[in-house]
Amino acid sequence: MDRELLFTHISKMESDIENMHAELQTLKALAVQLVEENVSLQMEKENYEQFFEEEEPAEAESFKKNTLNNLYDEGFHVCSVHFGTHRHGDDCLFCQGFFRHREE
């Protein structure tokens, strides 16, 4: 086998490996997105299940306050900064400040 043909073959294999690596990285990024979305949806599902299993509160609160509390408990922001976006399980100081301000 001649040297030039050998080096050409090696270069082609190296290029193929680089392409496969790039495809693997893309696939890995997509897998991470799917796992994150799955976790988010699972949390939302659990929140909905818990919400529908709970009994109605004994004390009568205003509809608006109850709705905002429920939205926050289901994992969504109720503050004006991020209203309606998912909290991904994290607490939000703006939302908590909003609730404290309403109680005063």
Protein backbone atom coordinates (compact mmCIF):
# COMPACT_ATOMS: atom_id res chain seq x y z
CA MET A 1 0.00 0.00 0.00
CA ASP A 2 1.41 3.36 -0.90
CA ARG A 3 2.00 6.02 1.78
CA GLU A 4 -0.20 8.67 0.20
CA LEU A 5 -3.17 6.28 0.03
CA LEU A 6 -2.57 5.27 3.65
CA PHE A 7 -2.47 8.89 4.87
CA THR A 8 -5.58 9.71 2.82
CA HIS A 9 -7.40 6.79 4.40
CA ILE A 10 -6.27 7.84 7.90
CA SER A 11 -7.37 11.46 7.26
CA LYS A 12 -10.79 10.28 6.07
CA MET A 13 -11.20 8.13 9.18
CA GLU A 14 -10.15 11.05 11.39
CA SER A 15 -12.71 13.30 9.68
CA ASP A 16 -15.41 10.64 10.12
CA ILE A 17 -14.58 10.34 13.83
CA GLU A 18 -14.79 14.13 14.26
CA ASN A 19 -18.19 14.16 12.53
CA MET A 20 -19.42 11.33 14.75
CA HIS A 21 -18.19 13.22 17.82
CA ALA A 22 -20.08 16.36 16.74
CA GLU A 23 -23.25 14.30 16.20
CA LEU A 24 -22.78 12.67 19.60
CA GLN A 25 -22.49 16.10 21.26
CA THR A 26 -25.70 17.24 19.52
CA LEU A 27 -27.48 14.08 20.63
CA LYS A 28 -26.19 14.56 24.18
CA ALA A 29 -27.53 18.14 24.28
CA LEU A 30 -30.93 16.95 23.05
CA ALA A 31 -30.98 14.21 25.69
CA VAL A 32 -30.27 16.78 28.42
CA GLN A 33 -33.14 18.96 27.16
CA LEU A 34 -35.50 15.98 27.15
CA VAL A 35 -34.53 14.96 30.68
CA GLU A 36 -35.01 18.53 31.96
CA GLU A 37 -38.39 18.77 30.25
CA ASN A 38 -39.38 15.38 31.65
CA VAL A 39 -38.45 16.45 35.19
CA SER A 40 -40.40 19.69 34.79
CA LEU A 41 -43.46 17.88 33.48
CA GLN A 42 -43.24 15.27 36.24
CA MET A 43 -43.15 18.03 38.88
CA GLU A 44 -46.10 19.75 37.26
CA LYS A 45 -48.02 16.46 37.15
CA GLU A 46 -47.32 15.82 40.83
CA ASN A 47 -48.45 19.34 41.69
CA TYR A 48 -51.71 18.83 39.76
CA GLU A 49 -52.32 15.47 41.44
CA GLN A 50 -51.68 16.98 44.86
CA PHE A 51 -53.88 19.97 44.03
CA PHE A 52 -56.83 17.78 43.06
CA GLU A 53 -56.42 15.49 46.08
CA GLU A 54 -56.45 18.34 48.61
CA GLU A 55 -59.66 19.28 50.33
CA GLU A 56 -60.94 22.81 50.11
CA PRO A 57 -59.62 25.12 52.85
CA ALA A 58 -61.82 25.52 55.89
CA GLU A 59 -61.37 29.29 55.94
CA ALA A 60 -62.96 31.29 53.16
CA GLU A 61 -60.29 33.40 51.41
CA SER A 62 -60.76 35.73 48.51
CA PHE A 63 -60.83 34.05 45.11
CA LYS A 64 -57.98 36.18 43.78
CA LYS A 65 -55.65 35.44 46.71
CA ASN A 66 -56.49 31.72 46.57
CA THR A 67 -55.81 31.63 42.83
CA LEU A 68 -52.41 33.31 43.15
CA ASN A 69 -51.45 31.02 46.03
CA ASN A 70 -52.46 28.00 43.98
CA LEU A 71 -50.46 29.20 40.97
CA TYR A 72 -47.39 29.66 43.16
CA ASP A 73 -47.92 26.25 44.81
CA GLU A 74 -48.17 24.66 41.36
CA GLY A 75 -44.72 26.01 40.55
CA PHE A 76 -45.38 29.25 38.68
CA HIS A 77 -44.27 32.80 39.36
CA VAL A 78 -46.91 35.29 40.55
CA CYS A 79 -44.57 38.29 40.79
CA SER A 80 -44.63 41.01 38.16
CA VAL A 81 -41.04 40.23 37.17
CA HIS A 82 -41.63 36.66 35.91
CA PHE A 83 -45.41 36.24 36.08
CA GLY A 84 -46.64 32.92 34.70
CA THR A 85 -43.25 31.35 34.02
CA HIS A 86 -42.30 28.06 35.67
CA ARG A 87 -40.16 28.30 38.83
CA HIS A 88 -38.57 24.83 38.32
CA GLY A 89 -38.96 24.05 42.01
CA ASP A 90 -37.04 27.12 43.20
CA ASP A 91 -38.48 29.73 45.55
CA CYS A 92 -38.72 33.30 44.26
CA LEU A 93 -37.99 36.22 46.55
CA PHE A 94 -40.13 38.53 44.41
CA CYS A 95 -43.15 36.22 44.70
CA GLN A 96 -42.64 35.79 48.43
CA GLY A 97 -42.31 39.56 48.79
CA PHE A 98 -45.54 39.94 46.84
CA PHE A 99 -47.35 37.67 49.33
CA ARG A 100 -45.84 39.49 52.33
CA HIS A 101 -46.88 42.85 50.88
CA ARG A 102 -50.48 41.61 50.36
CA GLU A 103 -50.72 40.44 53.99
CA GLU A 104 -49.79 43.89 55.32
